[in-house]
């Protein structure tokens, strides 16, 4: 999955009253991709990850964000928002990243 800023321009990123700008959505998608890449070995396909585990990994990646804006990461990583960012989320709330 290619993540480029152009893919996020002019799109709406809003779920349950929480809205992100195109820049915030792009940065969030890049961070999610970084989490998957960190957890993938050489010549392996990234394994699906539960939304809750992704949430914890994101908080570890950006600890200041949780301190400065409590609860925002939880809102950013709702399954519906993750889908809007371009990732697949199955019925069991497993996030799937396809490089």
Protein backbone atom coordinates (compact mmCIF):
# COMPACT_ATOMS: atom_id res chain seq x y z
CA UNK A 1 0.00 0.00 0.00
CA UNK A 2 1.56 3.25 -1.11
CA UNK A 3 1.01 6.15 1.25
CA UNK A 4 1.38 9.55 -0.37
CA UNK A 5 0.01 12.89 0.73
CA UNK A 6 -1.84 13.33 -2.57
CA UNK A 7 -4.08 10.39 -1.70
CA UNK A 8 -5.34 12.23 1.39
CA UNK A 9 -5.89 15.72 -0.05
CA UNK A 10 -9.49 16.76 -0.49
CA UNK A 11 -10.90 13.81 1.44
CA UNK A 12 -12.99 13.89 4.59
CA UNK A 13 -11.70 12.00 7.63
CA UNK A 14 -14.49 12.08 10.18
CA UNK A 15 -15.91 9.30 12.38
CA UNK A 16 -18.27 9.66 15.35
CA UNK A 17 -17.68 13.42 15.57
CA UNK A 18 -13.88 13.16 15.45
CA UNK A 19 -12.30 14.83 12.41
CA UNK A 20 -8.74 14.84 11.10
CA UNK A 21 -7.18 17.09 8.49
CA UNK A 22 -5.55 15.55 5.43
CA UNK A 23 -2.12 16.18 6.97
CA UNK A 24 -3.08 14.48 10.25
CA UNK A 25 -4.56 11.53 8.35
CA UNK A 26 -1.40 11.20 6.25
CA UNK A 27 0.86 11.32 9.31
CA UNK A 28 -1.32 8.79 11.13
CA UNK A 29 -1.21 6.40 8.16
CA UNK A 30 2.59 6.73 8.00
CA UNK A 31 2.84 5.93 11.72
CA UNK A 32 0.58 2.88 11.35
CA UNK A 33 2.72 1.66 8.46
CA UNK A 34 5.86 2.20 10.59
CA UNK A 35 4.38 0.06 13.37
CA UNK A 36 3.70 -2.78 10.93
CA UNK A 37 7.16 -2.49 9.38
CA UNK A 38 8.82 -2.59 12.82
CA UNK A 39 7.02 -5.85 13.60
CA UNK A 40 7.82 -7.57 10.32
CA UNK A 41 10.97 -9.59 9.68
CA UNK A 42 12.98 -9.80 6.50
CA UNK A 43 11.07 -11.21 3.54
CA UNK A 44 7.88 -11.66 5.56
CA UNK A 45 4.38 -10.42 4.98
CA UNK A 46 3.08 -8.20 7.83
CA UNK A 47 0.75 -10.12 10.13
CA UNK A 48 -2.68 -8.69 10.99
CA UNK A 49 -2.82 -6.85 14.29
CA UNK A 50 -5.78 -6.29 16.65
CA UNK A 51 -6.95 -2.68 16.86
CA UNK A 52 -6.24 -2.67 20.62
CA UNK A 53 -2.64 -3.80 20.05
CA UNK A 54 -2.19 -1.18 17.33
CA UNK A 55 -3.53 1.43 19.74
CA UNK A 56 -0.94 0.47 22.39
CA UNK A 57 1.87 0.41 19.81
CA UNK A 58 0.83 3.86 18.55
CA UNK A 59 0.87 5.24 22.09
CA UNK A 60 4.38 3.80 22.54
CA UNK A 61 5.48 5.34 19.24
CA UNK A 62 4.03 8.79 20.11
CA UNK A 63 3.99 9.01 23.93
CA UNK A 64 3.91 12.82 23.99
CA UNK A 65 0.73 12.84 21.95
CA UNK A 66 -1.13 10.89 24.62
CA UNK A 67 0.17 13.26 27.31
CA UNK A 68 -0.65 16.46 25.43
CA UNK A 69 -3.94 15.28 23.91
CA UNK A 70 -5.39 12.52 26.14
CA UNK A 71 -7.79 10.20 24.35
CA UNK A 72 -7.06 11.45 20.85
CA UNK A 73 -5.18 8.30 19.82
CA UNK A 74 -8.20 6.23 20.87
CA UNK A 75 -10.39 8.35 18.59
CA UNK A 76 -7.87 8.22 15.73
CA UNK A 77 -7.64 4.45 15.82
CA UNK A 78 -11.30 3.50 15.65
CA UNK A 79 -11.87 0.73 13.07
CA UNK A 80 -13.94 3.05 10.83
CA UNK A 81 -11.21 5.71 10.86
CA UNK A 82 -8.50 3.13 10.15
CA UNK A 83 -10.49 2.06 7.08
CA UNK A 84 -10.71 5.70 5.93
CA UNK A 85 -6.92 5.89 6.22
CA UNK A 86 -6.64 3.07 3.68
CA UNK A 87 -6.09 0.01 5.84
CA UNK A 88 -8.32 -3.04 5.97
CA UNK A 89 -10.08 -3.96 9.21
CA UNK A 90 -11.86 -7.31 9.28
CA UNK A 91 -14.91 -8.33 11.30
CA UNK A 92 -12.74 -9.32 14.27
CA UNK A 93 -11.15 -5.84 14.43
CA UNK A 94 -7.87 -7.08 13.00
CA UNK A 95 -5.97 -4.43 11.04
CA UNK A 96 -4.42 -5.71 7.83
CA UNK A 97 -1.53 -3.94 6.13
CA UNK A 98 -0.71 -4.89 2.57
CA UNK A 99 2.61 -3.38 1.41
